[in-house]
Structure formats: structure tokens, C-alpha cells
Amino acid sequence: MRLRTLLATAAALTAATCLTAAGPAHAQQDGTRHACSSSVSVDRFSDALDKTTYDGTYVGNLSALAPDRHRTIAALSDRSALFRLDARTLRPEGVVPLADEKGAALDSEGLVVDRDGTYLVSSETEPTVRRYSRDGKILDRLPVPEELGTRARANGSFEGLTLLPGGRTLVASMEYPLTGDPADQVRLQTWQRTAHGGFRPGAQYTYRVDRGLGVTEVTATPDGRLLVLERGFTSGVGNTVRLYLAGRHGTAYDKTLLADLADCPSLGATAKQPQPNPLLDNIEGMVVTGRGHGRLKVLLVSDDNQNESQTTRFYALRVRL
């Protein structure tokens, strides 16, 4: 069965990450009018997949994105499903159910498509990182330092996952601090690829978050630094979403603010709940899809939590590092 609701105006996303605007047709195309900051601009947004289904599976709860094979983007739902989206139109082309070793539902939050096409998926509840085949079969499970499980907050561990350039270092970000750690410090756990293609635990690093925010995603840049999404929510006010660039210095990552997304133009977006900017929602997923003219092309997605007051929304950004 195909989507029950029509996807909004065609060509949502090109390989160069150009979303079809879900806002008014007269929205300005001038880059200065789309600027969120001196480093970030928002080209387009799309609500085309909001409250839709594909092959009987709800298309939403999206928590991670990753470039996949054959001009597709892998989109991970935190309700145990992995979608393959056409990279030009965003239309779903397939869905793969996921589960843990006992067949139970998985709180899947972070995603990497490895060089052999298999999927590395993190869960924030145990925490774990599992490798899945293209058809959703568990192939292995990466070793995780014990303290990350025993000291992690409930549903606050491995939220982000990325593979550094070269494919030898995997990085998972905790969403919130461990018990006993400073209130503004989260951990980044790494793994190093072995000669047999697996991963063994590597070094840990620290990253300072803004007050009241957590890390929802980390994505490697072509030069090996990290784009970091920090997000929070205040009832009656809405979401705070900030994009940072982080570079490693010793055992810590230092960060530079690229944009507070509340400062982006709304582009005619509407919100179903109070927001400081109606463009905002519960943004959790991020992927670098290309680069050109000195900027990275970055795609974001929000997690609607299968909630009528939230929206599954894609955002196409241009980011100058």
C-alpha cells in the first residue's frame, strides 16, 4: 500500500538537498532573507510526510537520518522501524521492522549506514548499538562500557550516532549527563574499527551542553568535526533548537554556535502548539547530504512522537563552517 495521503508538491529533495517549500509560493528565495545567522540559512521545509502511512506503518517518530544506497536516505523511527526515502522526493520506498534480540520493540534513536550497507542503530534505553542487515536481522552488538549503562539517565543515553570520515571511528552521543557528572556535561563514546570490520570501544570525550538542553544528534563533517544539535522543550513556550560546530581538543569537544533555529525565517510554517518560531518542532535527526559554494547541505527532521500537536517536518539548511 502506498501513502494514504498525497505528498505535497513534487521534488521535495534533490541530491543537492533542495526541499520543495511547504510554505507559500511567494516565499523569498534570496539567501539573505533565509538567513538564520551568518553561518546558517534555511532553504526549504516540507511537511509532506506528516501523519502518513506506508505499507501499514506510521511514517513518523523520526529520530535519525543517514545517506543510504541508490540515492536514498535512511530515516529511523524510534518505534522500531527504518524507512528508505527517495533522496529527491522524500517518498518512502521501503520499510524494515527492527527489534531487539528477544523480538521486542526497540527505542531506536541513532543511525549510521556502514560502508557494507548494514545499519548501525543505537538505543537510548540500555544503552546499546546493534548492527542490522538490510532486511532487519541483528548481526551483532557492539560492546558498551558498563558505566554508560549503570549511570545513564532513563531514556537519556545514546541519542546520536555518526561515523567519522575514513570510516574507522564511530561516535555515539549521550543525550543527558551521567549520574554524578556535571549538569552541563555529556559523554561522547567512540569505537575503533578492527581488522575484521567490527568495532571495539575507544576513547570517551566530554561535551558541554547549554543549560536545560540535551544532545539529540551528532553528525560528522567532511573535515572530521561534529555538527551537534542541542534541543530542549518548555511547556507553553515550545522548543529550543541550536546547531553547534564542535572540534576535539584533548579529551573534550569545544563548540561554536552556528545558529539558534528560533532566529530562522518562518517561511510561512505553522505550528500546532506554542513555539518561539512556528518553523520549529521537536528536531532530532540530521544528515550532511552534500556541499557546494563553500557550504554544507544539511537535512534535519523532527520527531512528531505520533502526537497530533506535533509535526513530522524536514528542513533543508546550508551551513558555512
Protein backbone atom coordinates (compact mmCIF):
# COMPACT_ATOMS: atom_id res chain seq x y z
CA MET A 1 0.00 0.00 0.00
CA ARG A 2 1.32 3.44 -0.90
CA LEU A 3 0.98 6.62 1.11
CA ARG A 4 -2.64 7.27 2.04
CA THR A 5 -2.14 10.98 1.86
CA LEU A 6 -0.63 12.69 -1.15
CA LEU A 7 2.88 14.00 -0.77
CA ALA A 8 2.95 17.80 -1.03
CA THR A 9 4.16 19.48 -4.18
CA ALA A 10 6.72 17.43 -6.07
CA ALA A 11 10.50 17.13 -5.76
CA ALA A 12 10.90 17.55 -2.03
CA LEU A 13 14.59 16.89 -2.03
CA THR A 14 17.22 16.73 -4.73
CA ALA A 15 20.56 15.05 -4.31
CA ALA A 16 21.73 18.58 -3.58
CA THR A 17 19.16 18.81 -0.79
CA CYS A 18 16.60 21.25 -2.15
CA LEU A 19 13.25 20.76 -0.43
CA THR A 20 10.04 21.89 -2.05
CA ALA A 21 8.67 24.66 0.13
CA ALA A 22 5.68 23.74 2.22
CA GLY A 23 5.17 27.43 2.84
CA PRO A 24 3.60 30.00 0.49
CA ALA A 25 4.65 30.04 -3.16
CA HIS A 26 5.77 33.64 -2.84
CA ALA A 27 8.39 32.84 -0.17
CA GLN A 28 11.58 34.76 -0.93
CA GLN A 29 14.44 32.81 -2.45
CA ASP A 30 17.09 35.41 -1.60
CA GLY A 31 19.63 33.73 0.67
CA THR A 32 19.86 36.76 2.93
CA ARG A 33 16.13 36.57 3.57
CA HIS A 34 16.53 32.89 4.51
CA ALA A 35 19.40 33.50 6.93
CA CYS A 36 19.19 32.13 10.46
CA SER A 37 22.64 33.54 11.26
CA SER A 38 25.82 34.48 9.43
CA SER A 39 26.62 30.75 9.15
CA VAL A 40 23.26 29.07 8.53
CA SER A 41 20.35 29.60 6.15
CA VAL A 42 17.18 27.57 5.68
CA ASP A 43 16.24 26.89 2.06
CA ARG A 44 13.00 24.98 2.42
CA PHE A 45 10.88 22.87 4.70
CA SER A 46 8.41 20.09 3.96
CA ASP A 47 5.53 18.61 5.97
CA ALA A 48 4.76 16.14 3.18
CA LEU A 49 5.14 13.01 5.33
CA ASP A 50 3.29 14.32 8.36
CA LYS A 51 0.62 11.89 9.61
CA THR A 52 1.03 9.49 6.68
CA THR A 53 1.48 5.73 6.50
CA TYR A 54 3.46 3.43 4.24
CA ASP A 55 2.75 -0.30 3.92
CA GLY A 56 0.70 -0.09 7.10
CA THR A 57 3.49 1.57 9.10
CA TYR A 58 3.11 5.05 10.51
CA VAL A 59 5.63 7.42 8.94
CA GLY A 60 6.72 9.49 11.90
CA ASN A 61 8.59 9.35 15.21
CA LEU A 62 11.69 10.02 13.08
CA SER A 63 14.80 10.37 15.20
CA ALA A 64 17.73 9.94 12.78
CA LEU A 65 18.73 10.26 9.12
CA ALA A 66 21.64 8.79 7.16
CA PRO A 67 22.68 8.63 3.48
CA ASP A 68 21.86 5.20 2.11
CA ARG A 69 22.49 3.36 -1.13
CA HIS A 70 20.98 4.05 -4.54
CA ARG A 71 20.10 7.69 -3.96
CA THR A 72 18.04 7.02 -0.89
CA ILE A 73 18.05 8.40 2.64
CA ALA A 74 17.54 6.07 5.60
CA ALA A 75 15.12 7.51 8.15
CA LEU A 76 14.91 5.86 11.56
CA SER A 77 11.75 5.80 13.66
CA ASP A 78 12.16 5.37 17.40
CA ARG A 79 9.24 2.92 17.23
CA SER A 80 11.28 0.07 15.72
CA ALA A 81 11.10 0.92 12.01
CA LEU A 82 13.60 2.02 9.40
CA PHE A 83 12.37 3.73 6.22
CA ARG A 84 14.17 4.22 2.94
CA LEU A 85 13.21 7.54 1.37
CA ASP A 86 13.84 8.65 -2.18
CA ALA A 87 16.54 11.31 -1.88
CA ARG A 88 14.82 13.53 -4.44
CA THR A 89 11.16 13.31 -3.50
CA LEU A 90 11.27 12.03 0.12
CA ARG A 91 8.67 9.42 -0.80
CA PRO A 92 9.12 6.16 1.16
CA GLU A 93 10.39 3.30 -0.97
CA GLY A 94 10.65 0.66 1.72
CA VAL A 95 10.33 -0.02 5.42
CA VAL A 96 12.21 -2.53 7.56
CA PRO A 97 10.97 -3.52 11.05
CA LEU A 98 13.57 -3.63 13.81
CA ALA A 99 13.59 -5.45 17.14
CA ASP A 100 15.96 -6.46 19.93
CA GLU A 101 17.36 -9.96 20.41
CA LYS A 102 14.10 -11.13 22.03
CA GLY A 103 11.92 -9.69 19.28
CA ALA A 104 10.75 -6.81 21.45
CA ALA A 105 10.29 -3.22 20.27
CA LEU A 106 13.42 -1.09 20.11
CA ASP A 107 13.79 2.54 21.17
CA SER A 108 15.92 3.28 18.12
CA GLU A 109 17.49 6.74 18.16
CA GLY A 110 20.81 6.93 16.27
CA LEU A 111 21.67 5.63 12.81
CA VAL A 112 24.72 5.01 10.62
CA VAL A 113 24.76 3.19 7.28
CA ASP A 114 28.10 1.41 7.28
CA ARG A 115 30.29 1.02 4.21
CA ASP A 116 28.95 -2.51 3.56
CA GLY A 117 25.37 -1.26 3.61
CA THR A 118 24.48 -2.64 7.03
CA TYR A 119 22.79 -0.44 9.61
CA LEU A 120 24.26 0.57 12.96
CA VAL A 121 21.41 1.55 15.28
CA SER A 122 21.70 2.96 18.80
CA SER A 123 19.09 2.69 21.53
CA GLU A 124 18.87 5.11 24.44
CA THR A 125 17.28 2.72 26.91
CA GLU A 126 20.00 0.10 27.57
CA PRO A 127 22.17 1.77 26.02
CA THR A 128 23.19 -0.31 23.00
CA VAL A 129 24.49 -0.15 19.45
CA ARG A 130 23.38 -3.03 17.23
CA ARG A 131 24.25 -3.90 13.65
CA TYR A 132 21.36 -4.90 11.38
CA SER A 133 21.29 -6.44 7.92
CA ARG A 134 19.43 -4.73 5.08
CA ASP A 135 16.35 -6.80 5.93
CA GLY A 136 16.44 -6.02 9.66
CA LYS A 137 18.21 -9.08 11.06
CA ILE A 138 20.54 -8.47 14.03
CA LEU A 139 24.11 -9.28 13.02
CA ASP A 140 26.00 -8.23 16.14
CA ARG A 141 26.01 -5.90 19.12
CA LEU A 142 28.86 -3.56 19.97
CA PRO A 143 30.45 -3.71 23.45
CA VAL A 144 29.50 -0.72 25.62
CA PRO A 145 31.41 0.44 28.73
CA GLU A 146 29.47 -0.65 31.81
CA GLU A 147 29.32 2.80 33.43
CA LEU A 148 27.34 4.19 30.50
CA GLY A 149 24.56 1.78 31.35
CA THR A 150 24.68 1.91 35.13
CA ARG A 151 24.97 5.72 35.36
CA ALA A 152 22.81 6.81 32.43
CA ARG A 153 19.50 8.59 32.95
CA ALA A 154 16.37 6.72 31.89
CA ASN A 155 15.92 7.31 28.14
CA GLY A 156 18.88 9.66 28.17
CA SER A 157 21.79 7.74 26.73
CA PHE A 158 22.72 7.04 23.07
CA GLU A 159 20.66 9.59 21.15
CA GLY A 160 23.12 10.43 18.35
CA LEU A 161 25.40 8.26 16.20
CA THR A 162 27.88 9.12 13.44
CA LEU A 163 30.88 7.69 11.60
CA LEU A 164 33.90 9.96 11.18
CA PRO A 165 35.48 10.42 7.72
CA GLY A 166 37.54 7.39 6.76
CA GLY A 167 35.06 5.05 8.41
CA ARG A 168 37.31 3.93 11.24
CA THR A 169 35.80 5.78 14.21
CA LEU A 170 32.18 5.53 15.34
CA VAL A 171 30.84 8.15 17.76
CA ALA A 172 27.73 7.93 19.95
CA SER A 173 26.48 10.90 21.95
CA MET A 174 24.64 10.69 25.25
CA GLU A 175 21.56 12.90 25.37
CA TYR A 176 21.98 13.88 29.02
CA PRO A 177 24.75 13.78 31.66
CA LEU A 178 25.53 10.61 33.56
CA THR A 179 24.62 10.46 37.23
CA GLY A 180 27.47 12.14 39.12
CA ASP A 181 28.72 14.15 36.14
CA PRO A 182 28.42 17.95 35.95
CA ALA A 183 24.91 19.07 34.97
CA ASP A 184 26.19 20.61 31.72
CA GLN A 185 28.45 17.75 30.59
CA VAL A 186 27.54 14.84 28.34
CA ARG A 187 29.74 11.98 27.18
CA LEU A 188 30.73 11.04 23.65
CA GLN A 189 31.70 7.38 23.35
CA THR A 190 33.85 6.18 20.46
CA TRP A 191 34.61 2.82 18.92
CA GLN A 192 37.51 1.93 16.64
CA ARG A 193 37.11 -0.40 13.69
CA THR A 194 39.01 -3.65 13.99
CA ALA A 195 40.89 -5.53 11.28
CA HIS A 196 37.85 -7.82 10.90
CA GLY A 197 35.43 -4.95 10.34
CA GLY A 198 33.87 -4.88 13.81
CA PHE A 199 34.25 -2.17 16.43
CA ARG A 200 35.95 -2.12 19.82
CA PRO A 201 35.39 0.59 22.47
CA GLY A 202 37.69 3.58 22.16
CA ALA A 203 38.17 6.84 24.00
CA GLN A 204 35.47 8.88 25.72
CA TYR A 205 35.16 12.63 25.35
CA THR A 206 33.13 15.31 27.06
CA TYR A 207 30.90 17.98 25.57
CA ARG A 208 29.29 20.93 27.39
CA VAL A 209 25.58 21.50 26.72
CA ASP A 210 23.60 24.69 27.20
CA ARG A 211 21.53 24.87 30.36
CA GLY A 212 18.34 22.83 30.10
CA LEU A 213 19.23 21.28 26.75
CA GLY A 214 20.31 17.82 25.66
CA VAL A 215 22.16 16.47 22.61
CA THR A 216 19.74 14.94 20.11
CA GLU A 217 22.13 14.31 17.23
CA VAL A 218 25.77 14.43 16.17
CA THR A 219 26.86 14.32 12.52
CA ALA A 220 30.42 14.28 11.22
CA THR A 221 31.55 17.00 8.84
CA PRO A 222 33.92 16.20 5.95
CA ASP A 223 36.87 17.59 7.95
CA GLY A 224 36.17 15.37 10.97
CA ARG A 225 34.48 17.87 13.24
CA LEU A 226 30.94 17.39 14.52
CA LEU A 227 27.69 19.18 13.90
CA VAL A 228 25.77 18.95 17.16
CA LEU A 229 22.04 19.51 17.68
CA GLU A 230 21.05 20.65 21.15
CA ARG A 231 17.36 20.65 21.98
CA GLY A 232 15.02 21.36 24.85
CA PHE A 233 11.31 21.88 25.45
CA THR A 234 9.41 24.22 27.77
CA SER A 235 5.69 23.72 28.18
CA GLY A 236 3.73 26.72 26.94
CA VAL A 237 6.81 28.11 25.18
CA GLY A 238 7.97 25.39 22.83
CA ASN A 239 11.26 24.02 21.59
CA THR A 240 14.77 25.39 21.77
CA VAL A 241 16.97 24.01 18.98
CA ARG A 242 20.56 25.15 18.47
CA LEU A 243 23.14 23.98 15.96
CA TYR A 244 26.78 23.91 17.03
CA LEU A 245 30.09 23.04 15.41
CA ALA A 246 32.34 21.04 17.74
CA GLY A 247 36.05 20.30 17.46
CA ARG A 248 38.09 17.97 19.64
CA HIS A 249 40.74 19.39 21.97
CA GLY A 250 42.33 16.73 24.15
CA THR A 251 39.59 14.84 25.96
CA ALA A 252 36.87 17.42 25.32
CA TYR A 253 34.97 18.87 22.40
CA ASP A 254 34.77 22.66 22.24
CA LYS A 255 31.79 24.18 20.49
CA THR A 256 30.89 27.23 18.43
CA LEU A 257 27.29 28.33 17.93
CA LEU A 258 26.26 28.25 14.28
CA ALA A 259 22.60 29.17 14.74
CA ASP A 260 19.69 29.25 17.14
CA LEU A 261 16.95 27.95 14.85
CA ALA A 262 14.40 30.21 16.52
CA ASP A 263 16.13 33.00 14.58
CA CYS A 264 15.38 31.41 11.20
CA PRO A 265 12.67 32.94 8.99
CA SER A 266 9.41 31.03 9.43
CA LEU A 267 8.90 30.63 5.63
CA GLY A 268 5.15 30.54 6.20
CA ALA A 269 5.29 27.50 8.51
CA THR A 270 2.56 26.94 11.07
CA ALA A 271 2.85 25.24 14.44
CA LYS A 272 0.27 23.08 16.21
CA GLN A 273 1.48 24.14 19.66
CA PRO A 274 3.19 27.24 21.09
CA GLN A 275 6.64 27.78 19.58
CA PRO A 276 9.06 30.72 19.67
CA ASN A 277 9.10 30.35 15.87
CA PRO A 278 6.34 28.39 14.07
CA LEU A 279 9.02 26.74 11.94
CA LEU A 280 10.30 24.86 14.98
CA ASP A 281 9.29 21.43 16.19
CA ASN A 282 10.92 18.55 18.05
CA ILE A 283 14.01 18.31 15.80
CA GLU A 284 16.03 15.14 16.34
CA GLY A 285 17.58 13.90 13.09
CA MET A 286 20.35 15.40 10.96
CA VAL A 287 22.45 14.36 7.98
CA VAL A 288 25.00 16.06 5.73
CA THR A 289 23.83 15.43 2.16
CA GLY A 290 26.38 17.35 0.13
CA ARG A 291 28.36 20.54 -0.23
CA GLY A 292 28.70 23.36 -2.67
CA HIS A 293 29.72 27.01 -2.85
CA GLY A 294 31.61 26.70 0.43
CA ARG A 295 28.66 25.40 2.40
CA LEU A 296 27.42 22.04 3.63
CA LYS A 297 23.94 20.94 2.69
CA VAL A 298 22.25 19.60 5.80
CA LEU A 299 18.87 17.93 6.19
CA LEU A 300 17.03 17.93 9.53
CA VAL A 301 13.86 16.13 10.60
CA SER A 302 11.55 16.49 13.59
CA ASP A 303 10.09 13.67 15.67
CA ASP A 304 6.31 14.14 15.99
CA ASN A 305 6.01 11.48 18.73
CA GLN A 306 2.88 10.34 16.88
CA ASN A 307 1.19 13.30 18.54
CA GLU A 308 -1.44 15.50 16.91
CA SER A 309 0.14 18.65 18.37
CA GLN A 310 3.50 17.94 16.69
CA THR A 311 4.65 17.71 13.08
CA THR A 312 6.98 15.48 11.05
CA ARG A 313 8.89 18.22 9.25
CA PHE A 314 12.02 18.17 7.08
CA TYR A 315 14.33 21.19 6.86
CA ALA A 316 17.00 21.88 4.23
CA LEU A 317 19.82 24.03 5.59
CA ARG A 318 23.00 25.46 4.15
CA VAL A 319 25.78 25.65 6.72
CA ARG A 320 29.07 27.51 6.42
CA LEU A 321 31.72 26.15 8.80
